[in-house]
Amino acid sequence: MFTRKLRKGNKERIQMFEGVVIRTDNKGSHTSRITVRKIASGVGVEKSFLMHSPLIEKIEIVRRSKVRRKLLSFLRQRSGKSSSLDG
């Protein structure tokens, strides 16, 4: 689960985004990025987050699963029970 700060004008609010991490880029670098995918009202939504951004408030691991692939982009074509990762 990602928690980040959003600013609109002089107001600030916190937005939460919970989903499956399908990709990590430049893991050891200061430009490391994580792509997270979730299903929102039947439509797949993906967002990329910079790990060391000052706008990222908190990163929380809700559940872990064992996979045998590096990139989980194959989950984009799956739907229903086949799109979930079993622990």
PDB file of N, CA and C in Angstrom:
ATOM      1  N   MET A   1       0.845  -1.161   0.000  1.00  0.00           N
ATOM      2  CA  MET A   1       0.000   0.000   0.000  1.00  0.00           C
ATOM      3  C   MET A   1       0.899   1.235   0.000  1.00  0.00           C
ATOM      4  N   PHE A   2       0.619   2.165  -0.898  1.00  0.00           N
ATOM      5  CA  PHE A   2       1.368   3.398  -1.004  1.00  0.00           C
ATOM      6  C   PHE A   2       0.522   4.536  -0.478  1.00  0.00           C
ATOM      7  N   THR A   3       1.115   5.384   0.294  1.00  0.00           N
ATOM      8  CA  THR A   3       0.456   6.579   0.783  1.00  0.00           C
ATOM      9  C   THR A   3       1.268   7.759   0.306  1.00  0.00           C
ATOM     10  N   ARG A   4       0.628   8.669  -0.439  1.00  0.00           N
ATOM     11  CA  ARG A   4       1.369   9.817  -0.947  1.00  0.00           C
ATOM     12  C   ARG A   4       0.593  11.095  -0.710  1.00  0.00           C
ATOM     13  N   LYS A   5       1.329  12.209  -0.716  1.00  0.00           N
ATOM     14  CA  LYS A   5       0.731  13.521  -0.492  1.00  0.00           C
ATOM     15  C   LYS A   5       0.397  14.160  -1.832  1.00  0.00           C
ATOM     16  N   LEU A   6      -0.771  14.759  -1.928  1.00  0.00           N
ATOM     17  CA  LEU A   6      -1.187  15.504  -3.106  1.00  0.00           C
ATOM     18  C   LEU A   6      -1.433  16.944  -2.711  1.00  0.00           C
ATOM     19  N   ARG A   7      -1.030  17.867  -3.577  1.00  0.00           N
ATOM     20  CA  ARG A   7      -1.248  19.285  -3.307  1.00  0.00           C
ATOM     21  C   ARG A   7      -2.131  19.876  -4.388  1.00  0.00           C
ATOM     22  N   LYS A   8      -3.141  20.605  -3.990  1.00  0.00           N
ATOM     23  CA  LYS A   8      -3.970  21.376  -4.908  1.00  0.00           C
ATOM     24  C   LYS A   8      -4.051  22.781  -4.342  1.00  0.00           C
ATOM     25  N   GLY A   9      -3.372  23.703  -4.999  1.00  0.00           N
ATOM     26  CA  GLY A   9      -3.319  25.069  -4.485  1.00  0.00           C
ATOM     27  C   GLY A   9      -2.535  25.086  -3.189  1.00  0.00           C
ATOM     28  N   ASN A  10      -3.157  25.541  -2.123  1.00  0.00           N
ATOM     29  CA  ASN A  10      -2.486  25.548  -0.817  1.00  0.00           C
ATOM     30  C   ASN A  10      -3.005  24.430   0.091  1.00  0.00           C
ATOM     31  N   LYS A  11      -3.869  23.563  -0.434  1.00  0.00           N
ATOM     32  CA  LYS A  11      -4.387  22.447   0.349  1.00  0.00           C
ATOM     33  C   LYS A  11      -3.547  21.205   0.085  1.00  0.00           C
ATOM     34  N   GLU A  12      -3.490  20.330   1.070  1.00  0.00           N
ATOM     35  CA  GLU A  12      -2.722  19.098   0.958  1.00  0.00           C
ATOM     36  C   GLU A  12      -3.558  17.952   1.518  1.00  0.00           C
ATOM     37  N   ARG A  13      -3.570  16.831   0.791  1.00  0.00           N
ATOM     38  CA  ARG A  13      -4.301  15.662   1.284  1.00  0.00           C
ATOM     39  C   ARG A  13      -3.467  14.422   1.017  1.00  0.00           C
ATOM     40  N   ILE A  14      -3.875  13.317   1.641  1.00  0.00           N
ATOM     41  CA  ILE A  14      -3.151  12.057   1.510  1.00  0.00           C
ATOM     42  C   ILE A  14      -4.018  11.089   0.713  1.00  0.00           C
ATOM     43  N   GLN A  15      -3.399  10.444  -0.292  1.00  0.00           N
ATOM     44  CA  GLN A  15      -4.095   9.482  -1.120  1.00  0.00           C
ATOM     45  C   GLN A  15      -3.442   8.118  -0.952  1.00  0.00           C
ATOM     46  N   MET A  16      -4.252   7.070  -0.820  1.00  0.00           N
ATOM     47  CA  MET A  16      -3.736   5.714  -0.655  1.00  0.00           C
ATOM     48  C   MET A  16      -3.971   4.940  -1.946  1.00  0.00           C
ATOM     49  N   PHE A  17      -3.000   4.103  -2.308  1.00  0.00           N
ATOM     50  CA  PHE A  17      -3.081   3.285  -3.518  1.00  0.00           C
ATOM     51  C   PHE A  17      -2.583   1.904  -3.167  1.00  0.00           C
ATOM     52  N   GLU A  18      -3.469   0.922  -3.222  1.00  0.00           N
ATOM     53  CA  GLU A  18      -3.119  -0.450  -2.853  1.00  0.00           C
ATOM     54  C   GLU A  18      -3.285  -1.348  -4.062  1.00  0.00           C
ATOM     55  N   GLY A  19      -2.243  -2.136  -4.365  1.00  0.00           N
ATOM     56  CA  GLY A  19      -2.309  -3.023  -5.512  1.00  0.00           C
ATOM     57  C   GLY A  19      -1.138  -3.982  -5.530  1.00  0.00           C
ATOM     58  N   VAL A  20      -0.930  -4.626  -6.676  1.00  0.00           N
ATOM     59  CA  VAL A  20       0.128  -5.611  -6.862  1.00  0.00           C
ATOM     60  C   VAL A  20       1.320  -4.920  -7.521  1.00  0.00           C
ATOM     61  N   VAL A  21       2.492  -5.095  -6.951  1.00  0.00           N
ATOM     62  CA  VAL A  21       3.712  -4.557  -7.568  1.00  0.00           C
ATOM     63  C   VAL A  21       4.077  -5.475  -8.721  1.00  0.00           C
ATOM     64  N   ILE A  22       4.019  -4.937  -9.955  1.00  0.00           N
ATOM     65  CA  ILE A  22       4.298  -5.781 -11.120  1.00  0.00           C
ATOM     66  C   ILE A  22       5.674  -5.514 -11.703  1.00  0.00           C
ATOM     67  N   ARG A  23       6.349  -4.462 -11.269  1.00  0.00           N
ATOM     68  CA  ARG A  23       7.645  -4.145 -11.863  1.00  0.00           C
ATOM     69  C   ARG A  23       8.456  -3.259 -10.929  1.00  0.00           C
ATOM     70  N   THR A  24       9.763  -3.503 -10.862  1.00  0.00           N
ATOM     71  CA  THR A  24      10.689  -2.613 -10.166  1.00  0.00           C
ATOM     72  C   THR A  24      11.813  -2.268 -11.131  1.00  0.00           C
ATOM     73  N   ASP A  25      12.201  -1.016 -11.196  1.00  0.00           N
ATOM     74  CA  ASP A  25      13.253  -0.549 -12.089  1.00  0.00           C
ATOM     75  C   ASP A  25      14.355   0.119 -11.286  1.00  0.00           C
ATOM     76  N   ASN A  26      15.605  -0.045 -11.714  1.00  0.00           N
ATOM     77  CA  ASN A  26      16.776   0.609 -11.107  1.00  0.00           C
ATOM     78  C   ASN A  26      16.790   0.430  -9.595  1.00  0.00           C
ATOM     79  N   LYS A  27      16.741  -0.805  -9.149  1.00  0.00           N
ATOM     80  CA  LYS A  27      16.519  -1.102  -7.740  1.00  0.00           C
ATOM     81  C   LYS A  27      17.538  -0.459  -6.792  1.00  0.00           C
ATOM     82  N   GLY A  28      18.817  -0.431  -7.164  1.00  0.00           N
ATOM     83  CA  GLY A  28      19.815   0.114  -6.261  1.00  0.00           C
ATOM     84  C   GLY A  28      20.058   1.599  -6.427  1.00  0.00           C
ATOM     85  N   SER A  29      19.388   2.228  -7.365  1.00  0.00           N
ATOM     86  CA  SER A  29      19.656   3.620  -7.705  1.00  0.00           C
ATOM     87  C   SER A  29      18.730   4.572  -6.949  1.00  0.00           C
ATOM     88  N   HIS A  30      19.072   5.859  -6.990  1.00  0.00           N
ATOM     89  CA  HIS A  30      18.193   6.856  -6.375  1.00  0.00           C
ATOM     90  C   HIS A  30      17.009   7.181  -7.278  1.00  0.00           C
ATOM     91  N   THR A  31      17.014   6.664  -8.519  1.00  0.00           N
ATOM     92  CA  THR A  31      15.880   6.844  -9.429  1.00  0.00           C
ATOM     93  C   THR A  31      15.034   5.579  -9.509  1.00  0.00           C
ATOM     94  N   SER A  32      15.037   4.767  -8.455  1.00  0.00           N
ATOM     95  CA  SER A  32      14.281   3.516  -8.473  1.00  0.00           C
ATOM     96  C   SER A  32      12.780   3.806  -8.555  1.00  0.00           C
ATOM     97  N   ARG A  33      12.100   2.983  -9.316  1.00  0.00           N
ATOM     98  CA  ARG A  33      10.682   3.187  -9.597  1.00  0.00           C
ATOM     99  C   ARG A  33       9.949   1.862  -9.428  1.00  0.00           C
ATOM    100  N   ILE A  34       8.729   1.928  -8.917  1.00  0.00           N
ATOM    101  CA  ILE A  34       7.890   0.746  -8.740  1.00  0.00           C
ATOM    102  C   ILE A  34       6.575   0.986  -9.478  1.00  0.00           C
ATOM    103  N   THR A  35       6.134  -0.007 -10.231  1.00  0.00           N
ATOM    104  CA  THR A  35       4.852   0.069 -10.922  1.00  0.00           C
ATOM    105  C   THR A  35       3.855  -0.810 -10.187  1.00  0.00           C
ATOM    106  N   VAL A  36       2.721  -0.222  -9.821  1.00  0.00           N
ATOM    107  CA  VAL A  36       1.695  -0.907  -9.038  1.00  0.00           C
ATOM    108  C   VAL A  36       0.415  -0.970  -9.868  1.00  0.00           C
ATOM    109  N   ARG A  37      -0.248  -2.130  -9.844  1.00  0.00           N
ATOM    110  CA  ARG A  37      -1.479  -2.333 -10.618  1.00  0.00           C
ATOM    111  C   ARG A  37      -2.610  -2.740  -9.692  1.00  0.00           C
ATOM    112  N   LYS A  38      -3.776  -2.161  -9.930  1.00  0.00           N
ATOM    113  CA  LYS A  38      -4.971  -2.565  -9.190  1.00  0.00           C
ATOM    114  C   LYS A  38      -6.169  -2.515 -10.126  1.00  0.00           C
ATOM    115  N   ILE A  39      -7.242  -3.140  -9.714  1.00  0.00           N
ATOM    116  CA  ILE A  39      -8.486  -3.135 -10.483  1.00  0.00           C
ATOM    117  C   ILE A  39      -9.445  -2.187  -9.774  1.00  0.00           C
ATOM    118  N   ALA A  40      -9.860  -1.131 -10.481  1.00  0.00           N
ATOM    119  CA  ALA A  40     -10.792  -0.152  -9.918  1.00  0.00           C
ATOM    120  C   ALA A  40     -12.051  -0.145 -10.770  1.00  0.00           C
ATOM    121  N   SER A  41     -13.163  -0.548 -10.198  1.00  0.00           N
ATOM    122  CA  SER A  41     -14.464  -0.689 -10.861  1.00  0.00           C
ATOM    123  C   SER A  41     -14.373  -1.397 -12.206  1.00  0.00           C
ATOM    124  N   GLY A  42     -13.681  -2.532 -12.201  1.00  0.00           N
ATOM    125  CA  GLY A  42     -13.603  -3.380 -13.379  1.00  0.00           C
ATOM    126  C   GLY A  42     -12.561  -2.975 -14.407  1.00  0.00           C
ATOM    127  N   VAL A  43     -11.817  -1.910 -14.154  1.00  0.00           N
ATOM    128  CA  VAL A  43     -10.813  -1.418 -15.096  1.00  0.00           C
ATOM    129  C   VAL A  43      -9.454  -1.474 -14.420  1.00  0.00           C
ATOM    130  N   GLY A  44      -8.449  -1.970 -15.121  1.00  0.00           N
ATOM    131  CA  GLY A  44      -7.104  -2.018 -14.571  1.00  0.00           C
ATOM    132  C   GLY A  44      -6.448  -0.647 -14.575  1.00  0.00           C
ATOM    133  N   VAL A  45      -5.847  -0.285 -13.445  1.00  0.00           N
ATOM    134  CA  VAL A  45      -5.176   1.006 -13.301  1.00  0.00           C
ATOM    135  C   VAL A  45      -3.746   0.748 -12.850  1.00  0.00           C
ATOM    136  N   GLU A  46      -2.790   1.367 -13.531  1.00  0.00           N
ATOM    137  CA  GLU A  46      -1.381   1.237 -13.153  1.00  0.00           C
ATOM    138  C   GLU A  46      -0.815   2.610 -12.850  1.00  0.00           C
ATOM    139  N   LYS A  47       0.017   2.665 -11.816  1.00  0.00           N
ATOM    140  CA  LYS A  47       0.708   3.903 -11.467  1.00  0.00           C
ATOM    141  C   LYS A  47       2.156   3.580 -11.171  1.00  0.00           C
ATOM    142  N   SER A  48       3.037   4.490 -11.557  1.00  0.00           N
ATOM    143  CA  SER A  48       4.454   4.346 -11.258  1.00  0.00           C
ATOM    144  C   SER A  48       4.818   5.342 -10.172  1.00  0.00           C
ATOM    145  N   PHE A  49       5.594   4.877  -9.206  1.00  0.00           N
ATOM    146  CA  PHE A  49       6.008   5.709  -8.089  1.00  0.00           C
ATOM    147  C   PHE A  49       7.523   5.724  -8.010  1.00  0.00           C
ATOM    148  N   LEU A  50       8.100   6.901  -7.824  1.00  0.00           N
ATOM    149  CA  LEU A  50       9.521   7.002  -7.525  1.00  0.00           C
ATOM    150  C   LEU A  50       9.698   6.690  -6.044  1.00  0.00           C
ATOM    151  N   MET A  51      10.597   5.766  -5.739  1.00  0.00           N
ATOM    152  CA  MET A  51      10.737   5.309  -4.358  1.00  0.00           C
ATOM    153  C   MET A  51      11.222   6.406  -3.420  1.00  0.00           C
ATOM    154  N   HIS A  52      12.135   7.257  -3.884  1.00  0.00           N
ATOM    155  CA  HIS A  52      12.744   8.242  -3.004  1.00  0.00           C
ATOM    156  C   HIS A  52      12.139   9.625  -3.178  1.00  0.00           C
ATOM    157  N   SER A  53      10.919   9.683  -3.658  1.00  0.00           N
ATOM    158  CA  SER A  53      10.244  10.963  -3.835  1.00  0.00           C
ATOM    159  C   SER A  53       9.822  11.523  -2.471  1.00  0.00           C
ATOM    160  N   PRO A  54       9.932  12.832  -2.285  1.00  0.00           N
ATOM    161  CA  PRO A  54       9.477  13.416  -1.011  1.00  0.00           C
ATOM    162  C   PRO A  54       7.961  13.386  -0.856  1.00  0.00           C
ATOM    163  N   LEU A  55       7.230  13.126  -1.930  1.00  0.00           N
ATOM    164  CA  LEU A  55       5.772  13.067  -1.846  1.00  0.00           C
ATOM    165  C   LEU A  55       5.262  11.722  -1.356  1.00  0.00           C
ATOM    166  N   ILE A  56       6.103  10.684  -1.385  1.00  0.00           N
ATOM    167  CA  ILE A  56       5.695   9.375  -0.865  1.00  0.00           C
ATOM    168  C   ILE A  56       5.753   9.433   0.656  1.00  0.00           C
ATOM    169  N   GLU A  57       4.614   9.264   1.265  1.00  0.00           N
ATOM    170  CA  GLU A  57       4.516   9.347   2.727  1.00  0.00           C
ATOM    171  C   GLU A  57       4.944   8.036   3.384  1.00  0.00           C
ATOM    172  N   LYS A  58       4.402   6.902   2.877  1.00  0.00           N
ATOM    173  CA  LYS A  58       4.645   5.620   3.523  1.00  0.00           C
ATOM    174  C   LYS A  58       4.429   4.501   2.514  1.00  0.00           C
ATOM    175  N   ILE A  59       5.252   3.453   2.616  1.00  0.00           N
ATOM    176  CA  ILE A  59       5.076   2.242   1.816  1.00  0.00           C
ATOM    177  C   ILE A  59       4.891   1.091   2.791  1.00  0.00           C
ATOM    178  N   GLU A  60       3.794   0.380   2.642  1.00  0.00           N
ATOM    179  CA  GLU A  60       3.469  -0.700   3.570  1.00  0.00           C
ATOM    180  C   GLU A  60       3.216  -1.972   2.772  1.00  0.00           C
ATOM    181  N   ILE A  61       3.863  -3.063   3.154  1.00  0.00           N
ATOM    182  CA  ILE A  61       3.662  -4.346   2.493  1.00  0.00           C
ATOM    183  C   ILE A  61       2.522  -5.057   3.207  1.00  0.00           C
ATOM    184  N   VAL A  62       1.432  -5.273   2.484  1.00  0.00           N
ATOM    185  CA  VAL A  62       0.247  -5.887   3.069  1.00  0.00           C
ATOM    186  C   VAL A  62       0.339  -7.407   2.994  1.00  0.00           C
ATOM    187  N   ARG A  63       0.810  -7.934   1.853  1.00  0.00           N
ATOM    188  CA  ARG A  63       0.872  -9.375   1.655  1.00  0.00           C
ATOM    189  C   ARG A  63       2.020  -9.705   0.717  1.00  0.00           C
ATOM    190  N   ARG A  64       2.696 -10.813   0.970  1.00  0.00           N
ATOM    191  CA  ARG A  64       3.780 -11.268   0.108  1.00  0.00           C
ATOM    192  C   ARG A  64       3.369 -12.560  -0.574  1.00  0.00           C
ATOM    193  N   SER A  65       3.887 -12.760  -1.793  1.00  0.00           N
ATOM    194  CA  SER A  65       3.646 -13.990  -2.531  1.00  0.00           C
ATOM    195  C   SER A  65       4.941 -14.424  -3.196  1.00  0.00           C
ATOM    196  N   LYS A  66       5.099 -15.727  -3.374  1.00  0.00           N
ATOM    197  CA  LYS A  66       6.273 -16.247  -4.056  1.00  0.00           C
ATOM    198  C   LYS A  66       5.945 -16.376  -5.540  1.00  0.00           C
ATOM    199  N   VAL A  67       6.773 -15.766  -6.364  1.00  0.00           N
ATOM    200  CA  VAL A  67       6.614 -15.862  -7.814  1.00  0.00           C
ATOM    201  C   VAL A  67       7.927 -16.322  -8.415  1.00  0.00           C
ATOM    202  N   ARG A  68       7.871 -16.853  -9.623  1.00  0.00           N
ATOM    203  CA  ARG A  68       9.074 -17.358 -10.271  1.00  0.00           C
ATOM    204  C   ARG A  68       9.439 -16.531 -11.494  1.00  0.00           C
ATOM    205  N   ARG A  69       8.973 -15.289 -11.522  1.00  0.00           N
ATOM    206  CA  ARG A  69       9.288 -14.377 -12.616  1.00  0.00           C
ATOM    207  C   ARG A  69       9.746 -13.047 -12.057  1.00  0.00           C
ATOM    208  N   LYS A  70      10.494 -12.315 -12.863  1.00  0.00           N
ATOM    209  CA  LYS A  70      10.956 -11.005 -12.434  1.00  0.00           C
ATOM    210  C   LYS A  70       9.868  -9.954 -12.638  1.00  0.00           C
ATOM    211  N   LEU A  71       9.279  -9.943 -13.830  1.00  0.00           N
ATOM    212  CA  LEU A  71       8.254  -8.963 -14.163  1.00  0.00           C
ATOM    213  C   LEU A  71       6.904  -9.654 -14.223  1.00  0.00           C
ATOM    214  N   LEU A  72       5.922  -9.054 -13.604  1.00  0.00           N
ATOM    215  CA  LEU A  72       4.591  -9.653 -13.540  1.00  0.00           C
ATOM    216  C   LEU A  72       3.621  -8.986 -14.502  1.00  0.00           C
ATOM    217  N   SER A  73       4.132  -8.501 -15.627  1.00  0.00           N
ATOM    218  CA  SER A  73       3.264  -7.808 -16.580  1.00  0.00           C
ATOM    219  C   SER A  73       2.283  -8.765 -17.264  1.00  0.00           C
ATOM    220  N   PHE A  74       2.481 -10.072 -17.124  1.00  0.00           N
ATOM    221  CA  PHE A  74       1.523 -11.025 -17.683  1.00  0.00           C
ATOM    222  C   PHE A  74       0.168 -10.941 -16.976  1.00  0.00           C
ATOM    223  N   LEU A  75       0.120 -10.320 -15.800  1.00  0.00           N
ATOM    224  CA  LEU A  75      -1.146 -10.182 -15.080  1.00  0.00           C
ATOM    225  C   LEU A  75      -2.105  -9.223 -15.778  1.00  0.00           C
ATOM    226  N   ARG A  76      -1.600  -8.429 -16.719  1.00  0.00           N
ATOM    227  CA  ARG A  76      -2.462  -7.489 -17.436  1.00  0.00           C
ATOM    228  C   ARG A  76      -3.516  -8.217 -18.271  1.00  0.00           C
ATOM    229  N   GLN A  77      -3.168  -9.366 -18.828  1.00  0.00           N
ATOM    230  CA  GLN A  77      -4.109 -10.100 -19.670  1.00  0.00           C
ATOM    231  C   GLN A  77      -5.004 -11.044 -18.889  1.00  0.00           C
ATOM    232  N   ARG A  78      -4.763 -11.213 -17.622  1.00  0.00           N
ATOM    233  CA  ARG A  78      -5.549 -12.151 -16.814  1.00  0.00           C
ATOM    234  C   ARG A  78      -6.736 -11.442 -16.164  1.00  0.00           C
ATOM    235  N   SER A  79      -7.747 -12.218 -15.854  1.00  0.00           N
ATOM    236  CA  SER A  79      -8.907 -11.669 -15.147  1.00  0.00           C
ATOM    237  C   SER A  79      -9.457 -12.738 -14.221  1.00  0.00           C
ATOM    238  N   GLY A  80     -10.175 -12.334 -13.229  1.00  0.00           N
ATOM    239  CA  GLY A  80     -10.781 -13.279 -12.289  1.00  0.00           C
ATOM    240  C   GLY A  80      -9.788 -13.880 -11.339  1.00  0.00           C
ATOM    241  N   LYS A  81      -9.973 -15.155 -11.006  1.00  0.00           N
ATOM    242  CA  LYS A  81      -9.112 -15.815 -10.025  1.00  0.00           C
ATOM    243  C   LYS A  81      -7.696 -16.022 -10.525  1.00  0.00           C
ATOM    244  N   SER A  82      -7.505 -16.115 -11.826  1.00  0.00           N
ATOM    245  CA  SER A  82      -6.174 -16.349 -12.367  1.00  0.00           C
ATOM    246  C   SER A  82      -5.274 -15.123 -12.238  1.00  0.00           C
ATOM    247  N   SER A  83      -5.861 -13.971 -11.956  1.00  0.00           N
ATOM    248  CA  SER A  83      -5.052 -12.754 -11.831  1.00  0.00           C
ATOM    249  C   SER A  83      -4.546 -12.539 -10.405  1.00  0.00           C
ATOM    250  N   SER A  84      -4.969 -13.364  -9.463  1.00  0.00           N
ATOM    251  CA  SER A  84      -4.511 -13.194  -8.084  1.00  0.00           C
ATOM    252  C   SER A  84      -3.278 -14.056  -7.831  1.00  0.00           C
ATOM    253  N   LEU A  85      -2.398 -13.551  -6.971  1.00  0.00           N
ATOM    254  CA  LEU A  85      -1.192 -14.285  -6.598  1.00  0.00           C
ATOM    255  C   LEU A  85      -1.448 -14.994  -5.283  1.00  0.00           C
ATOM    256  N   ASP A  86      -1.143 -16.274  -5.240  1.00  0.00           N
ATOM    257  CA  ASP A  86      -1.336 -17.043  -4.007  1.00  0.00           C
ATOM    258  C   ASP A  86      -0.062 -17.007  -3.182  1.00  0.00           C
ATOM    259  N   GLY A  87      -0.219 -16.930  -1.888  1.00  0.00           N
ATOM    260  CA  GLY A  87       0.932 -16.863  -0.987  1.00  0.00           C
ATOM    261  C   GLY A  87       1.401 -18.195  -0.695  1.00  0.00           C
TER     262      GLY A  87
END
